[in-house]
N, C-alpha and C. Protein backbone atom coordinates (compact mmCIF):
# COMPACT_ATOMS: atom_id res chain seq x y z
N MET A 1 150.83 -64.28 226.62
CA MET A 1 152.25 -64.40 226.29
C MET A 1 152.19 -65.42 225.00
N PHE A 2 152.50 -65.33 224.13
CA PHE A 2 152.58 -66.49 223.15
C PHE A 2 154.10 -66.69 222.59
N LEU A 3 154.32 -68.00 222.58
CA LEU A 3 155.99 -68.28 222.32
C LEU A 3 155.55 -69.29 220.96
N PHE A 4 155.99 -68.48 219.81
CA PHE A 4 155.75 -69.03 218.36
C PHE A 4 157.14 -69.97 218.20
N THR A 5 156.88 -71.30 218.02
CA THR A 5 158.43 -72.12 217.94
C THR A 5 158.01 -73.21 216.69
N ASP A 6 159.17 -73.61 216.63
CA ASP A 6 159.01 -74.68 215.32
C ASP A 6 159.71 -76.03 216.06
N LYS A 7 159.81 -75.87 217.22
CA LYS A 7 160.20 -76.94 218.27
C LYS A 7 158.64 -77.91 218.65
N THR A 8 158.94 -79.21 219.09
CA THR A 8 157.94 -80.12 218.95
C THR A 8 157.71 -80.17 220.44
N SER A 9 158.69 -79.67 221.40
CA SER A 9 158.51 -80.12 222.69
C SER A 9 158.43 -78.53 223.37
N ASN A 10 157.72 -78.42 224.70
CA ASN A 10 157.46 -77.59 225.22
C ASN A 10 159.22 -76.99 225.91
N PRO A 11 159.67 -75.85 225.81
CA PRO A 11 160.81 -75.37 226.36
C PRO A 11 160.65 -75.21 227.64
N LEU A 12 161.92 -75.59 228.52
CA LEU A 12 161.78 -75.74 229.87
C LEU A 12 161.64 -74.22 230.74
N ILE A 13 162.28 -73.39 229.74
CA ILE A 13 162.27 -71.90 230.10
C ILE A 13 160.89 -70.87 229.97
N ILE A 14 160.13 -71.55 229.08
CA ILE A 14 158.61 -71.33 229.47
C ILE A 14 158.00 -71.81 230.19
N ARG A 15 158.02 -73.15 230.54
CA ARG A 15 157.52 -73.63 231.73
C ARG A 15 158.03 -73.28 232.99
N ALA A 16 159.09 -72.78 233.03
CA ALA A 16 159.31 -71.97 234.12
C ALA A 16 159.37 -70.60 235.06
N LEU A 17 158.87 -70.06 233.36
CA LEU A 17 158.18 -68.35 233.52
C LEU A 17 156.72 -68.41 233.70
N SER A 18 156.17 -69.37 233.15
CA SER A 18 154.84 -69.79 233.30
C SER A 18 154.78 -69.86 235.00
N ILE A 19 155.34 -70.60 235.52
CA ILE A 19 154.92 -70.94 237.05
C ILE A 19 155.43 -69.73 237.68
N ASN A 20 156.29 -68.74 237.87
CA ASN A 20 156.69 -67.51 237.89
C ASN A 20 155.48 -66.67 237.69
N PHE A 21 154.97 -66.49 236.81
CA PHE A 21 153.81 -65.60 236.66
C PHE A 21 152.26 -66.39 236.38
N GLU A 22 152.04 -67.53 237.05
CA GLU A 22 150.91 -67.89 237.48
C GLU A 22 150.00 -67.02 237.78
N ASN A 23 148.98 -66.95 237.44
CA ASN A 23 147.61 -66.09 237.79
C ASN A 23 147.86 -64.62 237.28
N LYS A 24 149.21 -64.25 236.62
CA LYS A 24 149.08 -62.78 236.30
C LYS A 24 149.33 -62.71 234.77
N LEU A 25 149.76 -63.87 234.15
CA LEU A 25 149.91 -63.80 232.84
C LEU A 25 149.26 -65.39 231.91
N PHE A 26 148.80 -65.11 230.66
CA PHE A 26 148.58 -66.68 230.45
C PHE A 26 149.51 -66.83 229.20
N PHE A 27 150.10 -68.22 229.02
CA PHE A 27 151.17 -68.72 228.15
C PHE A 27 150.43 -69.41 227.59
N GLY A 28 150.89 -69.34 226.25
CA GLY A 28 150.46 -69.88 225.05
C GLY A 28 151.74 -70.31 224.19
N ILE A 29 151.45 -71.51 223.22
CA ILE A 29 152.63 -71.95 222.64
C ILE A 29 151.83 -72.22 221.24
N VAL A 30 152.58 -71.48 220.09
CA VAL A 30 151.93 -71.41 218.94
C VAL A 30 153.13 -72.39 217.90
N ARG A 31 152.94 -73.39 217.44
CA ARG A 31 153.76 -74.35 216.53
C ARG A 31 153.94 -73.51 215.28
N HIS A 32 154.53 -74.04 214.62
CA HIS A 32 154.66 -73.52 213.08
C HIS A 32 153.99 -74.26 212.38
N THR A 33 153.19 -75.36 212.69
CA THR A 33 152.46 -75.65 211.89
C THR A 33 150.78 -75.09 211.98
N GLU A 34 150.87 -74.11 212.72
CA GLU A 34 149.58 -73.26 212.89
C GLU A 34 149.38 -72.24 212.05
N SER A 35 149.19 -72.42 210.74
CA SER A 35 149.31 -71.48 209.78
C SER A 35 148.44 -69.94 209.94
N ALA A 36 147.25 -70.39 210.37
CA ALA A 36 146.34 -69.08 210.46
C ALA A 36 146.62 -68.29 211.54
N VAL A 37 147.17 -68.51 212.75
CA VAL A 37 147.81 -68.15 213.68
C VAL A 37 148.93 -67.10 213.45
N LEU A 38 149.88 -68.05 212.81
CA LEU A 38 151.32 -67.22 212.34
C LEU A 38 150.78 -66.22 211.39
N LYS A 39 149.79 -66.07 210.39
CA LYS A 39 149.32 -65.44 209.51
C LYS A 39 148.85 -63.96 210.12
N ARG A 40 148.14 -64.36 211.41
CA ARG A 40 147.22 -63.39 211.83
C ARG A 40 148.23 -62.37 212.43
N TYR A 41 149.49 -63.15 213.22
CA TYR A 41 150.46 -62.25 213.83
C TYR A 41 151.89 -62.04 212.99
N ASN A 42 151.49 -62.49 212.10
CA ASN A 42 152.69 -62.27 210.66
C ASN A 42 154.08 -62.67 211.03
N VAL A 43 154.23 -63.99 211.67
CA VAL A 43 155.35 -64.55 212.37
C VAL A 43 155.73 -65.08 210.97
N LYS A 44 157.02 -65.29 211.25
CA LYS A 44 158.03 -65.68 210.02
C LYS A 44 159.09 -66.26 210.18
N GLU A 45 159.36 -65.99 211.59
CA GLU A 45 160.99 -66.57 211.84
C GLU A 45 160.45 -67.15 213.51
N PHE A 46 161.31 -68.29 213.93
CA PHE A 46 161.14 -68.78 215.19
C PHE A 46 162.32 -68.81 215.63
N PRO A 47 162.86 -68.61 217.04
CA PRO A 47 161.32 -68.60 217.88
C PRO A 47 161.04 -66.88 218.15
N LYS A 48 159.85 -66.70 218.49
CA LYS A 48 159.44 -65.53 218.63
C LYS A 48 158.50 -65.46 219.87
N ILE A 49 158.48 -64.29 220.69
CA ILE A 49 157.58 -64.36 222.07
C ILE A 49 156.89 -62.86 221.63
N MET A 50 155.76 -62.99 221.96
CA MET A 50 155.25 -61.47 222.47
C MET A 50 153.92 -61.57 223.26
N VAL A 51 153.59 -60.46 223.82
CA VAL A 51 152.49 -60.06 224.51
C VAL A 51 151.35 -59.69 223.73
N VAL A 52 150.22 -60.63 223.90
CA VAL A 52 148.82 -59.82 223.27
C VAL A 52 148.19 -59.20 224.49
N LYS A 53 147.47 -57.82 224.50
CA LYS A 53 146.96 -57.59 225.36
C LYS A 53 145.69 -57.09 225.09
N ALA A 54 144.66 -57.34 225.56
CA ALA A 54 143.16 -56.78 224.99
C ALA A 54 143.33 -55.11 224.91
N THR A 55 144.11 -54.36 225.51
CA THR A 55 144.06 -52.94 226.06
C THR A 55 144.90 -52.29 224.66
N GLU A 56 145.58 -53.20 224.12
CA GLU A 56 146.54 -52.86 222.92
C GLU A 56 146.11 -52.99 221.60
N ARG A 57 146.25 -52.43 220.78
CA ARG A 57 145.80 -52.66 219.26
C ARG A 57 147.01 -53.63 218.61
N LYS A 58 148.17 -53.51 219.06
CA LYS A 58 149.37 -54.21 218.53
C LYS A 58 149.59 -55.26 219.35
N PRO A 59 150.61 -56.20 219.15
CA PRO A 59 151.04 -57.08 220.00
C PRO A 59 152.52 -56.51 220.25
N ILE A 60 152.94 -56.59 221.50
CA ILE A 60 154.24 -56.43 221.88
C ILE A 60 155.37 -57.41 221.70
N ILE A 61 156.23 -57.25 220.84
CA ILE A 61 157.14 -58.38 220.46
C ILE A 61 158.67 -58.19 221.36
N TYR A 62 159.13 -59.30 221.86
CA TYR A 62 160.27 -59.10 222.52
C TYR A 62 161.19 -59.70 221.57
N ASP A 63 162.34 -58.88 221.31
CA ASP A 63 163.45 -58.85 220.70
C ASP A 63 164.75 -59.19 221.08
N GLY A 64 164.80 -59.34 222.46
CA GLY A 64 165.96 -59.64 223.03
C GLY A 64 166.48 -61.01 223.35
N GLU A 65 167.80 -60.98 223.82
CA GLU A 65 168.46 -62.53 223.88
C GLU A 65 167.07 -63.86 224.55
N ILE A 66 167.21 -64.66 224.03
CA ILE A 66 166.59 -65.66 224.64
C ILE A 66 167.18 -66.34 226.01
N LYS A 67 166.99 -65.60 226.71
CA LYS A 67 167.63 -66.26 228.17
C LYS A 67 166.40 -65.82 229.52
N TYR A 68 166.80 -66.75 230.25
CA TYR A 68 165.50 -66.45 231.01
C TYR A 68 165.37 -65.03 231.79
N SER A 69 166.42 -64.92 232.04
CA SER A 69 166.21 -63.46 233.11
C SER A 69 165.88 -62.30 232.30
N ASN A 70 166.14 -62.28 230.85
CA ASN A 70 165.93 -61.47 229.93
C ASN A 70 164.17 -61.29 229.75
N ILE A 71 163.83 -62.65 229.14
CA ILE A 71 162.50 -62.74 229.14
C ILE A 71 161.85 -62.31 230.56
N PHE A 72 162.15 -62.55 231.40
CA PHE A 72 161.35 -62.44 232.87
C PHE A 72 161.05 -60.83 233.14
N GLU A 73 162.16 -60.20 233.03
CA GLU A 73 162.35 -58.81 232.88
C GLU A 73 161.44 -58.06 232.06
N PHE A 74 161.30 -58.43 230.74
CA PHE A 74 160.32 -58.25 229.60
C PHE A 74 158.69 -58.25 229.97
N LEU A 75 158.54 -59.65 230.43
CA LEU A 75 157.40 -60.13 230.64
C LEU A 75 156.86 -59.52 231.94
N ASN A 76 157.66 -58.94 233.35
CA ASN A 76 157.39 -58.47 234.35
C ASN A 76 156.78 -57.18 234.03
N ILE A 77 157.33 -56.39 232.92
CA ILE A 77 156.23 -54.93 233.01
C ILE A 77 155.05 -55.31 232.20
N TYR A 78 154.93 -56.13 231.67
CA TYR A 78 153.13 -56.69 231.12
C TYR A 78 152.55 -57.50 232.16
N SER A 79 152.92 -57.72 233.36
CA SER A 79 152.27 -58.79 234.23
C SER A 79 151.36 -58.14 234.83
N GLU A 80 150.87 -56.73 234.81
CA GLU A 80 149.90 -56.35 235.60
C GLU A 80 150.35 -55.78 237.28
N THR A 81 151.24 -56.89 237.86
CA THR A 81 151.75 -56.98 239.25
C THR A 81 152.95 -57.37 239.01
N PHE A 82 153.71 -56.95 239.62
CA PHE A 82 155.20 -56.75 239.56
C PHE A 82 155.56 -58.24 240.31
N VAL A 83 156.36 -58.84 239.85
CA VAL A 83 156.56 -60.33 240.20
C VAL A 83 158.06 -60.52 240.66
N ALA A 84 158.39 -60.42 242.15
CA ALA A 84 159.87 -60.18 242.41
C ALA A 84 160.45 -61.45 242.09
N GLY A 85 161.74 -61.38 242.04
CA GLY A 85 162.79 -62.48 241.41
C GLY A 85 163.24 -62.28 240.22
N GLY A 86 163.57 -63.28 239.54
CA GLY A 86 163.96 -62.92 237.85
C GLY A 86 165.14 -63.62 237.90
N GLY A 87 166.15 -63.90 238.68
CA GLY A 87 167.50 -64.75 239.07
C GLY A 87 168.42 -63.03 238.65
N SER A 88 169.46 -63.64 238.22
CA SER A 88 170.63 -62.70 237.83
C SER A 88 171.12 -63.11 236.63
N SER A 89 172.07 -62.31 236.03
CA SER A 89 172.59 -62.29 234.60
C SER A 89 173.89 -63.37 234.74
């Protein structure tokens, strides 16, 4: 999972998600200054979340609300192993 961001700090929501998906997904933060990666994934707006899988040709882009429970549900689909929990709306 990549978070593309123009912020300098690591968002708390991503830290919490990375704990919940430990050993299930790899998390990476791509800053707005990393032009080669932004170009490769055609990212022009921030924030953007996407899952990149070796078995898929194209990345899977999250287009929902930047809210913990929504992102958790999205990532849970791609985690290979269902993770219980996720909070409530």
